[in-house]
Amino acid sequence: MITIIMMFLITFIISFIFILISFIISKKSLMDREKCSPFECGFDPKSLARMPFSLHFFLITMIFLIFDVEIALIFPMISTFKMVNMFNWWKINLFFIIMLLIGLYHEWNQNMLNWTN
């Protein structure tokens, strides 16, 4: 029991020393307004929350997030190629790719991919 308490105490002391060293060595200024704000994207968090925002930028962001998640779903499909029956694997992947292409066609048809709007 005593050894567990001693190990916990030693771990706590070592981690406290590392945190203290990082605060001493860091070049971060406490007066830096942008670094102290919760958002580092240029928005002022203390201003009006209902600022006008570009809807087109929002749509492009949503398209990026959707396709980013879909890429994350496609990578495991490649690794399951050898584990699953070939016919079932092609059916599932073909359905997924067709759904992606239908979504891409819909976005293209709605002119969401044009930056000029």
PDB file of N, CA and C in Angstrom:
ATOM      1  N   MET A   1       0.825  -1.198   0.000  1.00  0.00           N
ATOM      2  CA  MET A   1       0.000   0.000   0.000  1.00  0.00           C
ATOM      3  C   MET A   1       0.864   1.256   0.000  1.00  0.00           C
ATOM      4  N   ILE A   2       1.917   1.204   0.813  1.00  0.00           N
ATOM      5  CA  ILE A   2       2.810   2.359   0.912  1.00  0.00           C
ATOM      6  C   ILE A   2       3.533   2.585  -0.415  1.00  0.00           C
ATOM      7  N   THR A   3       3.889   1.506  -1.113  1.00  0.00           N
ATOM      8  CA  THR A   3       4.590   1.671  -2.388  1.00  0.00           C
ATOM      9  C   THR A   3       3.672   2.315  -3.436  1.00  0.00           C
ATOM     10  N   ILE A   4       2.396   1.982  -3.406  1.00  0.00           N
ATOM     11  CA  ILE A   4       1.460   2.605  -4.353  1.00  0.00           C
ATOM     12  C   ILE A   4       1.320   4.090  -4.065  1.00  0.00           C
ATOM     13  N   ILE A   5       1.232   4.446  -2.808  1.00  0.00           N
ATOM     14  CA  ILE A   5       1.134   5.859  -2.438  1.00  0.00           C
ATOM     15  C   ILE A   5       2.410   6.595  -2.826  1.00  0.00           C
ATOM     16  N   MET A   6       3.568   5.961  -2.601  1.00  0.00           N
ATOM     17  CA  MET A   6       4.847   6.591  -2.964  1.00  0.00           C
ATOM     18  C   MET A   6       4.956   6.766  -4.480  1.00  0.00           C
ATOM     19  N   MET A   7       4.518   5.765  -5.240  1.00  0.00           N
ATOM     20  CA  MET A   7       4.561   5.887  -6.705  1.00  0.00           C
ATOM     21  C   MET A   7       3.621   6.987  -7.181  1.00  0.00           C
ATOM     22  N   PHE A   8       2.446   7.083  -6.585  1.00  0.00           N
ATOM     23  CA  PHE A   8       1.511   8.143  -6.932  1.00  0.00           C
ATOM     24  C   PHE A   8       2.098   9.507  -6.605  1.00  0.00           C
ATOM     25  N   LEU A   9       2.722   9.625  -5.456  1.00  0.00           N
ATOM     26  CA  LEU A   9       3.327  10.893  -5.049  1.00  0.00           C
ATOM     27  C   LEU A   9       4.487  11.269  -5.972  1.00  0.00           C
ATOM     28  N   ILE A  10       5.322  10.311  -6.318  1.00  0.00           N
ATOM     29  CA  ILE A  10       6.446  10.586  -7.225  1.00  0.00           C
ATOM     30  C   ILE A  10       5.934  10.987  -8.607  1.00  0.00           C
ATOM     31  N   THR A  11       4.906  10.298  -9.088  1.00  0.00           N
ATOM     32  CA  THR A  11       4.322  10.643 -10.383  1.00  0.00           C
ATOM     33  C   THR A  11       3.743  12.045 -10.359  1.00  0.00           C
ATOM     34  N   PHE A  12       3.046  12.387  -9.295  1.00  0.00           N
ATOM     35  CA  PHE A  12       2.468  13.719  -9.150  1.00  0.00           C
ATOM     36  C   PHE A  12       3.557  14.790  -9.116  1.00  0.00           C
ATOM     37  N   ILE A  13       4.612  14.547  -8.393  1.00  0.00           N
ATOM     38  CA  ILE A  13       5.710  15.529  -8.289  1.00  0.00           C
ATOM     39  C   ILE A  13       6.396  15.709  -9.646  1.00  0.00           C
ATOM     40  N   ILE A  14       6.671  14.610 -10.347  1.00  0.00           N
ATOM     41  CA  ILE A  14       7.336  14.712 -11.656  1.00  0.00           C
ATOM     42  C   ILE A  14       6.454  15.447 -12.654  1.00  0.00           C
ATOM     43  N   SER A  15       5.148  15.125 -12.684  1.00  0.00           N
ATOM     44  CA  SER A  15       4.269  15.826 -13.620  1.00  0.00           C
ATOM     45  C   SER A  15       4.137  17.301 -13.253  1.00  0.00           C
ATOM     46  N   PHE A  16       4.100  17.626 -11.968  1.00  0.00           N
ATOM     47  CA  PHE A  16       4.047  19.037 -11.556  1.00  0.00           C
ATOM     48  C   PHE A  16       5.314  19.784 -11.973  1.00  0.00           C
ATOM     49  N   ILE A  17       6.454  19.125 -11.865  1.00  0.00           N
ATOM     50  CA  ILE A  17       7.719  19.755 -12.286  1.00  0.00           C
ATOM     51  C   ILE A  17       7.715  20.012 -13.787  1.00  0.00           C
ATOM     52  N   PHE A  18       7.239  19.053 -14.581  1.00  0.00           N
ATOM     53  CA  PHE A  18       7.172  19.256 -16.028  1.00  0.00           C
ATOM     54  C   PHE A  18       6.210  20.387 -16.404  1.00  0.00           C
ATOM     55  N   ILE A  19       5.082  20.460 -15.742  1.00  0.00           N
ATOM     56  CA  ILE A  19       4.134  21.554 -16.015  1.00  0.00           C
ATOM     57  C   ILE A  19       4.751  22.893 -15.643  1.00  0.00           C
ATOM     58  N   LEU A  20       5.425  22.955 -14.519  1.00  0.00           N
ATOM     59  CA  LEU A  20       6.075  24.196 -14.096  1.00  0.00           C
ATOM     60  C   LEU A  20       7.170  24.604 -15.077  1.00  0.00           C
ATOM     61  N   ILE A  21       7.958  23.657 -15.544  1.00  0.00           N
ATOM     62  CA  ILE A  21       9.007  23.960 -16.527  1.00  0.00           C
ATOM     63  C   ILE A  21       8.395  24.450 -17.832  1.00  0.00           C
ATOM     64  N   SER A  22       7.293  23.834 -18.266  1.00  0.00           N
ATOM     65  CA  SER A  22       6.677  24.278 -19.523  1.00  0.00           C
ATOM     66  C   SER A  22       6.125  25.696 -19.402  1.00  0.00           C
ATOM     67  N   PHE A  23       5.568  26.063 -18.236  1.00  0.00           N
ATOM     68  CA  PHE A  23       5.098  27.435 -18.055  1.00  0.00           C
ATOM     69  C   PHE A  23       6.252  28.431 -18.033  1.00  0.00           C
ATOM     70  N   ILE A  24       7.375  28.033 -17.480  1.00  0.00           N
ATOM     71  CA  ILE A  24       8.535  28.937 -17.423  1.00  0.00           C
ATOM     72  C   ILE A  24       9.157  29.112 -18.803  1.00  0.00           C
ATOM     73  N   ILE A  25       9.266  28.041 -19.561  1.00  0.00           N
ATOM     74  CA  ILE A  25       9.940  28.084 -20.857  1.00  0.00           C
ATOM     75  C   ILE A  25       9.056  28.656 -21.963  1.00  0.00           C
ATOM     76  N   SER A  26       7.757  28.529 -21.840  1.00  0.00           N
ATOM     77  CA  SER A  26       6.862  28.922 -22.942  1.00  0.00           C
ATOM     78  C   SER A  26       6.984  30.406 -23.251  1.00  0.00           C
ATOM     79  N   LYS A  27       6.788  30.715 -24.545  1.00  0.00           N
ATOM     80  CA  LYS A  27       6.897  32.098 -24.999  1.00  0.00           C
ATOM     81  C   LYS A  27       5.524  32.758 -25.125  1.00  0.00           C
ATOM     82  N   LYS A  28       4.498  32.083 -24.659  1.00  0.00           N
ATOM     83  CA  LYS A  28       3.151  32.614 -24.781  1.00  0.00           C
ATOM     84  C   LYS A  28       2.972  33.808 -23.853  1.00  0.00           C
ATOM     85  N   SER A  29       2.510  34.878 -24.420  1.00  0.00           N
ATOM     86  CA  SER A  29       2.263  36.081 -23.642  1.00  0.00           C
ATOM     87  C   SER A  29       0.860  36.030 -23.062  1.00  0.00           C
ATOM     88  N   LEU A  30       0.729  36.391 -21.829  1.00  0.00           N
ATOM     89  CA  LEU A  30      -0.588  36.398 -21.205  1.00  0.00           C
ATOM     90  C   LEU A  30      -1.439  37.549 -21.717  1.00  0.00           C
ATOM     91  N   MET A  31      -0.817  38.544 -22.337  1.00  0.00           N
ATOM     92  CA  MET A  31      -1.555  39.689 -22.843  1.00  0.00           C
ATOM     93  C   MET A  31      -1.963  39.529 -24.304  1.00  0.00           C
ATOM     94  N   ASP A  32      -1.620  38.413 -24.933  1.00  0.00           N
ATOM     95  CA  ASP A  32      -1.980  38.192 -26.323  1.00  0.00           C
ATOM     96  C   ASP A  32      -3.480  37.954 -26.415  1.00  0.00           C
ATOM     97  N   ARG A  33      -4.199  38.883 -27.000  1.00  0.00           N
ATOM     98  CA  ARG A  33      -5.660  38.855 -27.006  1.00  0.00           C
ATOM     99  C   ARG A  33      -6.200  37.683 -27.815  1.00  0.00           C
ATOM    100  N   GLU A  34      -5.593  37.396 -28.951  1.00  0.00           N
ATOM    101  CA  GLU A  34      -6.092  36.315 -29.796  1.00  0.00           C
ATOM    102  C   GLU A  34      -5.853  34.948 -29.167  1.00  0.00           C
ATOM    103  N   LYS A  35      -4.733  34.777 -28.498  1.00  0.00           N
ATOM    104  CA  LYS A  35      -4.450  33.482 -27.885  1.00  0.00           C
ATOM    105  C   LYS A  35      -5.303  33.246 -26.643  1.00  0.00           C
ATOM    106  N   CYS A  36      -5.725  34.296 -25.982  1.00  0.00           N
ATOM    107  CA  CYS A  36      -6.556  34.142 -24.791  1.00  0.00           C
ATOM    108  C   CYS A  36      -8.023  33.938 -25.140  1.00  0.00           C
ATOM    109  N   SER A  37      -8.395  34.236 -26.364  1.00  0.00           N
ATOM    110  CA  SER A  37      -9.797  34.070 -26.746  1.00  0.00           C
ATOM    111  C   SER A  37     -10.071  32.597 -27.043  1.00  0.00           C
ATOM    112  N   PRO A  38     -11.318  32.175 -26.889  1.00  0.00           N
ATOM    113  CA  PRO A  38     -11.618  30.769 -27.159  1.00  0.00           C
ATOM    114  C   PRO A  38     -11.573  30.409 -28.638  1.00  0.00           C
ATOM    115  N   PHE A  39     -11.685  31.398 -29.517  1.00  0.00           N
ATOM    116  CA  PHE A  39     -11.657  31.149 -30.950  1.00  0.00           C
ATOM    117  C   PHE A  39     -10.442  31.844 -31.531  1.00  0.00           C
ATOM    118  N   GLU A  40      -9.623  31.106 -32.272  1.00  0.00           N
ATOM    119  CA  GLU A  40      -8.454  31.701 -32.922  1.00  0.00           C
ATOM    120  C   GLU A  40      -8.711  31.901 -34.403  1.00  0.00           C
ATOM    121  N   CYS A  41      -9.961  32.109 -34.786  1.00  0.00           N
ATOM    122  CA  CYS A  41     -10.299  32.197 -36.201  1.00  0.00           C
ATOM    123  C   CYS A  41     -10.526  33.628 -36.657  1.00  0.00           C
ATOM    124  N   GLY A  42     -10.374  34.601 -35.790  1.00  0.00           N
ATOM    125  CA  GLY A  42     -10.565  35.983 -36.186  1.00  0.00           C
ATOM    126  C   GLY A  42     -11.876  36.576 -35.723  1.00  0.00           C
ATOM    127  N   PHE A  43     -12.801  35.766 -35.245  1.00  0.00           N
ATOM    128  CA  PHE A  43     -14.056  36.295 -34.722  1.00  0.00           C
ATOM    129  C   PHE A  43     -13.834  36.805 -33.306  1.00  0.00           C
ATOM    130  N   ASP A  44     -14.445  37.906 -32.997  1.00  0.00           N
ATOM    131  CA  ASP A  44     -14.356  38.463 -31.659  1.00  0.00           C
ATOM    132  C   ASP A  44     -15.452  37.836 -30.807  1.00  0.00           C
ATOM    133  N   PRO A  45     -15.100  37.074 -29.769  1.00  0.00           N
ATOM    134  CA  PRO A  45     -16.142  36.398 -28.992  1.00  0.00           C
ATOM    135  C   PRO A  45     -16.972  37.350 -28.143  1.00  0.00           C
ATOM    136  N   LYS A  46     -16.495  38.564 -27.952  1.00  0.00           N
ATOM    137  CA  LYS A  46     -17.234  39.521 -27.126  1.00  0.00           C
ATOM    138  C   LYS A  46     -18.147  40.419 -27.950  1.00  0.00           C
ATOM    139  N   SER A  47     -18.199  40.211 -29.252  1.00  0.00           N
ATOM    140  CA  SER A  47     -19.072  41.018 -30.103  1.00  0.00           C
ATOM    141  C   SER A  47     -20.422  40.330 -30.252  1.00  0.00           C
ATOM    142  N   LEU A  48     -21.259  40.892 -31.084  1.00  0.00           N
ATOM    143  CA  LEU A  48     -22.590  40.360 -31.323  1.00  0.00           C
ATOM    144  C   LEU A  48     -22.509  38.942 -31.889  1.00  0.00           C
ATOM    145  N   ALA A  49     -23.276  38.042 -31.316  1.00  0.00           N
ATOM    146  CA  ALA A  49     -23.201  36.641 -31.730  1.00  0.00           C
ATOM    147  C   ALA A  49     -23.874  36.396 -33.065  1.00  0.00           C
ATOM    148  N   ARG A  50     -24.814  37.218 -33.447  1.00  0.00           N
ATOM    149  CA  ARG A  50     -25.563  37.016 -34.695  1.00  0.00           C
ATOM    150  C   ARG A  50     -24.999  37.880 -35.816  1.00  0.00           C
ATOM    151  N   MET A  51     -23.730  37.669 -36.126  1.00  0.00           N
ATOM    152  CA  MET A  51     -23.098  38.388 -37.226  1.00  0.00           C
ATOM    153  C   MET A  51     -23.522  37.767 -38.544  1.00  0.00           C
ATOM    154  N   PRO A  52     -23.581  38.552 -39.623  1.00  0.00           N
ATOM    155  CA  PRO A  52     -23.878  37.956 -40.927  1.00  0.00           C
ATOM    156  C   PRO A  52     -22.748  37.005 -41.332  1.00  0.00           C
ATOM    157  N   PHE A  53     -23.129  35.854 -41.800  1.00  0.00           N
ATOM    158  CA  PHE A  53     -22.158  34.826 -42.149  1.00  0.00           C
ATOM    159  C   PHE A  53     -22.479  34.327 -43.544  1.00  0.00           C
ATOM    160  N   SER A  54     -21.457  34.077 -44.322  1.00  0.00           N
ATOM    161  CA  SER A  54     -21.653  33.645 -45.697  1.00  0.00           C
ATOM    162  C   SER A  54     -22.249  32.245 -45.727  1.00  0.00           C
ATOM    163  N   LEU A  55     -23.443  32.130 -46.266  1.00  0.00           N
ATOM    164  CA  LEU A  55     -24.102  30.836 -46.366  1.00  0.00           C
ATOM    165  C   LEU A  55     -23.353  29.918 -47.333  1.00  0.00           C
ATOM    166  N   HIS A  56     -22.775  30.507 -48.377  1.00  0.00           N
ATOM    167  CA  HIS A  56     -22.031  29.703 -49.337  1.00  0.00           C
ATOM    168  C   HIS A  56     -20.804  29.060 -48.665  1.00  0.00           C
ATOM    169  N   PHE A  57     -20.126  29.815 -47.830  1.00  0.00           N
ATOM    170  CA  PHE A  57     -18.981  29.265 -47.094  1.00  0.00           C
ATOM    171  C   PHE A  57     -19.441  28.122 -46.192  1.00  0.00           C
ATOM    172  N   PHE A  58     -20.590  28.270 -45.561  1.00  0.00           N
ATOM    173  CA  PHE A  58     -21.138  27.231 -44.704  1.00  0.00           C
ATOM    174  C   PHE A  58     -21.440  25.969 -45.514  1.00  0.00           C
ATOM    175  N   LEU A  59     -22.035  26.120 -46.703  1.00  0.00           N
ATOM    176  CA  LEU A  59     -22.356  24.960 -47.535  1.00  0.00           C
ATOM    177  C   LEU A  59     -21.095  24.231 -47.990  1.00  0.00           C
ATOM    178  N   ILE A  60     -20.072  24.998 -48.378  1.00  0.00           N
ATOM    179  CA  ILE A  60     -18.808  24.367 -48.784  1.00  0.00           C
ATOM    180  C   ILE A  60     -18.187  23.623 -47.595  1.00  0.00           C
ATOM    181  N   THR A  61     -18.301  24.186 -46.405  1.00  0.00           N
ATOM    182  CA  THR A  61     -17.778  23.520 -45.218  1.00  0.00           C
ATOM    183  C   THR A  61     -18.521  22.221 -44.955  1.00  0.00           C
ATOM    184  N   MET A  62     -19.824  22.231 -45.094  1.00  0.00           N
ATOM    185  CA  MET A  62     -20.608  21.012 -44.880  1.00  0.00           C
ATOM    186  C   MET A  62     -20.269  19.947 -45.929  1.00  0.00           C
ATOM    187  N   ILE A  63     -20.088  20.374 -47.166  1.00  0.00           N
ATOM    188  CA  ILE A  63     -19.703  19.423 -48.215  1.00  0.00           C
ATOM    189  C   ILE A  63     -18.346  18.797 -47.889  1.00  0.00           C
ATOM    190  N   PHE A  64     -17.412  19.619 -47.448  1.00  0.00           N
ATOM    191  CA  PHE A  64     -16.095  19.101 -47.077  1.00  0.00           C
ATOM    192  C   PHE A  64     -16.205  18.096 -45.940  1.00  0.00           C
ATOM    193  N   LEU A  65     -16.983  18.417 -44.906  1.00  0.00           N
ATOM    194  CA  LEU A  65     -17.109  17.508 -43.770  1.00  0.00           C
ATOM    195  C   LEU A  65     -17.767  16.194 -44.170  1.00  0.00           C
ATOM    196  N   ILE A  66     -18.783  16.277 -45.013  1.00  0.00           N
ATOM    197  CA  ILE A  66     -19.459  15.057 -45.450  1.00  0.00           C
ATOM    198  C   ILE A  66     -18.499  14.176 -46.232  1.00  0.00           C
ATOM    199  N   PHE A  67     -17.758  14.753 -47.184  1.00  0.00           N
ATOM    200  CA  PHE A  67     -16.838  13.938 -47.973  1.00  0.00           C
ATOM    201  C   PHE A  67     -15.646  13.480 -47.147  1.00  0.00           C
ATOM    202  N   ASP A  68     -15.277  14.231 -46.135  1.00  0.00           N
ATOM    203  CA  ASP A  68     -14.195  13.807 -45.266  1.00  0.00           C
ATOM    204  C   ASP A  68     -14.614  12.570 -44.472  1.00  0.00           C
ATOM    205  N   VAL A  69     -15.834  12.565 -43.967  1.00  0.00           N
ATOM    206  CA  VAL A  69     -16.334  11.399 -43.240  1.00  0.00           C
ATOM    207  C   VAL A  69     -16.472  10.212 -44.183  1.00  0.00           C
ATOM    208  N   GLU A  70     -16.891  10.456 -45.405  1.00  0.00           N
ATOM    209  CA  GLU A  70     -17.039   9.361 -46.355  1.00  0.00           C
ATOM    210  C   GLU A  70     -15.692   8.736 -46.701  1.00  0.00           C
ATOM    211  N   ILE A  71     -14.665   9.538 -46.793  1.00  0.00           N
ATOM    212  CA  ILE A  71     -13.320   8.985 -47.033  1.00  0.00           C
ATOM    213  C   ILE A  71     -12.907   8.121 -45.849  1.00  0.00           C
ATOM    214  N   ALA A  72     -13.249   8.552 -44.649  1.00  0.00           N
ATOM    215  CA  ALA A  72     -12.925   7.746 -43.473  1.00  0.00           C
ATOM    216  C   ALA A  72     -13.703   6.435 -43.472  1.00  0.00           C
ATOM    217  N   LEU A  73     -14.844   6.390 -44.135  1.00  0.00           N
ATOM    218  CA  LEU A  73     -15.602   5.141 -44.243  1.00  0.00           C
ATOM    219  C   LEU A  73     -15.104   4.264 -45.380  1.00  0.00           C
ATOM    220  N   ILE A  74     -14.500   4.855 -46.395  1.00  0.00           N
ATOM    221  CA  ILE A  74     -14.008   4.073 -47.531  1.00  0.00           C
ATOM    222  C   ILE A  74     -12.734   3.307 -47.169  1.00  0.00           C
ATOM    223  N   PHE A  75     -11.860   3.858 -46.367  1.00  0.00           N
ATOM    224  CA  PHE A  75     -10.610   3.183 -46.026  1.00  0.00           C
ATOM    225  C   PHE A  75     -10.820   1.820 -45.361  1.00  0.00           C
ATOM    226  N   PRO A  76     -11.742   1.674 -44.394  1.00  0.00           N
ATOM    227  CA  PRO A  76     -11.943   0.320 -43.845  1.00  0.00           C
ATOM    228  C   PRO A  76     -12.521  -0.659 -44.863  1.00  0.00           C
ATOM    229  N   MET A  77     -13.219  -0.161 -45.880  1.00  0.00           N
ATOM    230  CA  MET A  77     -13.746  -1.055 -46.910  1.00  0.00           C
ATOM    231  C   MET A  77     -12.613  -1.753 -47.647  1.00  0.00           C
ATOM    232  N   ILE A  78     -11.519  -1.066 -47.828  1.00  0.00           N
ATOM    233  CA  ILE A  78     -10.380  -1.650 -48.519  1.00  0.00           C
ATOM    234  C   ILE A  78      -9.780  -2.785 -47.692  1.00  0.00           C
ATOM    235  N   SER A  79      -9.715  -2.600 -46.382  1.00  0.00           N
ATOM    236  CA  SER A  79      -9.126  -3.644 -45.542  1.00  0.00           C
ATOM    237  C   SER A  79     -10.049  -4.847 -45.372  1.00  0.00           C
ATOM    238  N   THR A  80     -11.355  -4.673 -45.570  1.00  0.00           N
ATOM    239  CA  THR A  80     -12.275  -5.802 -45.437  1.00  0.00           C
ATOM    240  C   THR A  80     -12.421  -6.589 -46.734  1.00  0.00           C
ATOM    241  N   PHE A  81     -11.698  -6.218 -47.749  1.00  0.00           N
ATOM    242  CA  PHE A  81     -11.815  -6.878 -49.049  1.00  0.00           C
ATOM    243  C   PHE A  81     -11.534  -8.372 -48.960  1.00  0.00           C
ATOM    244  N   LYS A  82     -10.524  -8.768 -48.197  1.00  0.00           N
ATOM    245  CA  LYS A  82     -10.137 -10.174 -48.112  1.00  0.00           C
ATOM    246  C   LYS A  82     -10.947 -10.946 -47.071  1.00  0.00           C
ATOM    247  N   MET A  83     -11.653 -10.248 -46.191  1.00  0.00           N
ATOM    248  CA  MET A  83     -12.365 -10.907 -45.111  1.00  0.00           C
ATOM    249  C   MET A  83     -13.801 -11.303 -45.466  1.00  0.00           C
ATOM    250  N   VAL A  84     -14.387 -10.659 -46.451  1.00  0.00           N
ATOM    251  CA  VAL A  84     -15.816 -10.821 -46.728  1.00  0.00           C
ATOM    252  C   VAL A  84     -15.983 -11.503 -48.084  1.00  0.00           C
ATOM    253  N   ASN A  85     -17.136 -12.091 -48.273  1.00  0.00           N
ATOM    254  CA  ASN A  85     -17.485 -12.691 -49.548  1.00  0.00           C
ATOM    255  C   ASN A  85     -17.408 -11.629 -50.643  1.00  0.00           C
ATOM    256  N   MET A  86     -16.814 -11.979 -51.766  1.00  0.00           N
ATOM    257  CA  MET A  86     -16.572 -11.021 -52.851  1.00  0.00           C
ATOM    258  C   MET A  86     -17.870 -10.399 -53.370  1.00  0.00           C
ATOM    259  N   PHE A  87     -18.909 -11.186 -53.541  1.00  0.00           N
ATOM    260  CA  PHE A  87     -20.176 -10.680 -54.085  1.00  0.00           C
ATOM    261  C   PHE A  87     -20.815  -9.673 -53.125  1.00  0.00           C
ATOM    262  N   ASN A  88     -20.832  -9.989 -51.849  1.00  0.00           N
ATOM    263  CA  ASN A  88     -21.410  -9.071 -50.867  1.00  0.00           C
ATOM    264  C   ASN A  88     -20.585  -7.800 -50.743  1.00  0.00           C
ATOM    265  N   TRP A  89     -19.272  -7.934 -50.829  1.00  0.00           N
ATOM    266  CA  TRP A  89     -18.399  -6.758 -50.722  1.00  0.00           C
ATOM    267  C   TRP A  89     -18.681  -5.787 -51.863  1.00  0.00           C
ATOM    268  N   TRP A  90     -18.825  -6.295 -53.084  1.00  0.00           N
ATOM    269  CA  TRP A  90     -19.095  -5.421 -54.224  1.00  0.00           C
ATOM    270  C   TRP A  90     -20.467  -4.780 -54.128  1.00  0.00           C
ATOM    271  N   LYS A  91     -21.465  -5.516 -53.630  1.00  0.00           N
ATOM    272  CA  LYS A  91     -22.803  -4.946 -53.478  1.00  0.00           C
ATOM    273  C   LYS A  91     -22.804  -3.776 -52.503  1.00  0.00           C
ATOM    274  N   ILE A  92     -22.174  -3.979 -51.366  1.00  0.00           N
ATOM    275  CA  ILE A  92     -22.153  -2.930 -50.339  1.00  0.00           C
ATOM    276  C   ILE A  92     -21.378  -1.718 -50.829  1.00  0.00           C
ATOM    277  N   ASN A  93     -20.212  -1.937 -51.389  1.00  0.00           N
ATOM    278  CA  ASN A  93     -19.385  -0.821 -51.846  1.00  0.00           C
ATOM    279  C   ASN A  93     -20.008  -0.106 -53.037  1.00  0.00           C
ATOM    280  N   LEU A  94     -20.630  -0.848 -53.929  1.00  0.00           N
ATOM    281  CA  LEU A  94     -21.286  -0.214 -55.069  1.00  0.00           C
ATOM    282  C   LEU A  94     -22.447   0.660 -54.603  1.00  0.00           C
ATOM    283  N   PHE A  95     -23.214   0.184 -53.642  1.00  0.00           N
ATOM    284  CA  PHE A  95     -24.302   0.980 -53.080  1.00  0.00           C
ATOM    285  C   PHE A  95     -23.770   2.259 -52.447  1.00  0.00           C
ATOM    286  N   PHE A  96     -22.667   2.134 -51.697  1.00  0.00           N
ATOM    287  CA  PHE A  96     -22.070   3.306 -51.031  1.00  0.00           C
ATOM    288  C   PHE A  96     -21.557   4.311 -52.060  1.00  0.00           C
ATOM    289  N   ILE A  97     -20.872   3.854 -53.084  1.00  0.00           N
ATOM    290  CA  ILE A  97     -20.336   4.743 -54.114  1.00  0.00           C
ATOM    291  C   ILE A  97     -21.469   5.403 -54.899  1.00  0.00           C
ATOM    292  N   ILE A  98     -22.537   4.646 -55.187  1.00  0.00           N
ATOM    293  CA  ILE A  98     -23.678   5.236 -55.898  1.00  0.00           C
ATOM    294  C   ILE A  98     -24.322   6.321 -55.051  1.00  0.00           C
ATOM    295  N   MET A  99     -24.439   6.095 -53.745  1.00  0.00           N
ATOM    296  CA  MET A  99     -24.996   7.132 -52.865  1.00  0.00           C
ATOM    297  C   MET A  99     -24.108   8.385 -52.858  1.00  0.00           C
ATOM    298  N   LEU A 100     -22.799   8.189 -52.869  1.00  0.00           N
ATOM    299  CA  LEU A 100     -21.879   9.331 -52.951  1.00  0.00           C
ATOM    300  C   LEU A 100     -22.068  10.090 -54.257  1.00  0.00           C
ATOM    301  N   LEU A 101     -22.178   9.376 -55.345  1.00  0.00           N
ATOM    302  CA  LEU A 101     -22.338  10.032 -56.644  1.00  0.00           C
ATOM    303  C   LEU A 101     -23.681  10.738 -56.760  1.00  0.00           C
ATOM    304  N   ILE A 102     -24.729  10.171 -56.183  1.00  0.00           N
ATOM    305  CA  ILE A 102     -26.030  10.857 -56.183  1.00  0.00           C
ATOM    306  C   ILE A 102     -25.945  12.147 -55.371  1.00  0.00           C
ATOM    307  N   GLY A 103     -25.273  12.102 -54.227  1.00  0.00           N
ATOM    308  CA  GLY A 103     -25.087  13.316 -53.424  1.00  0.00           C
ATOM    309  C   GLY A 103     -24.265  14.364 -54.150  1.00  0.00           C
ATOM    310  N   LEU A 104     -23.215  13.925 -54.826  1.00  0.00           N
ATOM    311  CA  LEU A 104     -22.389  14.858 -55.590  1.00  0.00           C
ATOM    312  C   LEU A 104     -23.179  15.466 -56.741  1.00  0.00           C
ATOM    313  N   TYR A 105     -23.989  14.658 -57.425  1.00  0.00           N
ATOM    314  CA  TYR A 105     -24.824  15.178 -58.509  1.00  0.00           C
ATOM    315  C   TYR A 105     -25.837  16.197 -57.982  1.00  0.00           C
ATOM    316  N   HIS A 106     -26.431  15.912 -56.829  1.00  0.00           N
ATOM    317  CA  HIS A 106     -27.389  16.846 -56.237  1.00  0.00           C
ATOM    318  C   HIS A 106     -26.715  18.180 -55.887  1.00  0.00           C
ATOM    319  N   GLU A 107     -25.517  18.117 -55.308  1.00  0.00           N
ATOM    320  CA  GLU A 107     -24.794  19.345 -54.982  1.00  0.00           C
ATOM    321  C   GLU A 107     -24.424  20.105 -56.251  1.00  0.00           C
ATOM    322  N   TRP A 108     -24.039  19.397 -57.278  1.00  0.00           N
ATOM    323  CA  TRP A 108     -23.697  20.034 -58.544  1.00  0.00           C
ATOM    324  C   TRP A 108     -24.942  20.641 -59.186  1.00  0.00           C
ATOM    325  N   ASN A 109     -26.064  19.942 -59.110  1.00  0.00           N
ATOM    326  CA  ASN A 109     -27.314  20.421 -59.684  1.00  0.00           C
ATOM    327  C   ASN A 109     -27.831  21.665 -58.944  1.00  0.00           C
ATOM    328  N   GLN A 110     -27.577  21.772 -57.653  1.00  0.00           N
ATOM    329  CA  GLN A 110     -28.010  22.918 -56.860  1.00  0.00           C
ATOM    330  C   GLN A 110     -26.995  24.074 -56.904  1.00  0.00           C
ATOM    331  N   ASN A 111     -25.940  23.951 -57.694  1.00  0.00           N
ATOM    332  CA  ASN A 111     -24.868  24.953 -57.841  1.00  0.00           C
ATOM    333  C   ASN A 111     -24.163  25.248 -56.513  1.00  0.00           C
ATOM    334  N   MET A 112     -24.036  24.240 -55.678  1.00  0.00           N
ATOM    335  CA  MET A 112     -23.305  24.435 -54.430  1.00  0.00           C
ATOM    336  C   MET A 112     -21.798  24.393 -54.620  1.00  0.00           C
ATOM    337  N   LEU A 113     -21.345  23.851 -55.736  1.00  0.00           N
ATOM    338  CA  LEU A 113     -19.912  23.726 -55.963  1.00  0.00           C
ATOM    339  C   LEU A 113     -19.326  24.930 -56.696  1.00  0.00           C
ATOM    340  N   ASN A 114     -20.153  25.888 -57.055  1.00  0.00           N
ATOM    341  CA  ASN A 114     -19.676  27.100 -57.745  1.00  0.00           C
ATOM    342  C   ASN A 114     -19.307  28.161 -56.717  1.00  0.00           C
ATOM    343  N   TRP A 115     -18.117  28.729 -56.838  1.00  0.00           N
ATOM    344  CA  TRP A 115     -17.679  29.777 -55.915  1.00  0.00           C
ATOM    345  C   TRP A 115     -18.219  31.150 -56.308  1.00  0.00           C
ATOM    346  N   THR A 116     -18.758  31.279 -57.491  1.00  0.00           N
ATOM    347  CA  THR A 116     -19.164  32.603 -57.971  1.00  0.00           C
ATOM    348  C   THR A 116     -20.524  33.040 -57.441  1.00  0.00           C
ATOM    349  N   ASN A 117     -21.304  32.154 -56.863  1.00  0.00           N
ATOM    350  CA  ASN A 117     -22.644  32.529 -56.382  1.00  0.00           C
ATOM    351  C   ASN A 117     -22.574  33.345 -55.136  1.00  0.00           C
TER     352      ASN A 117
END
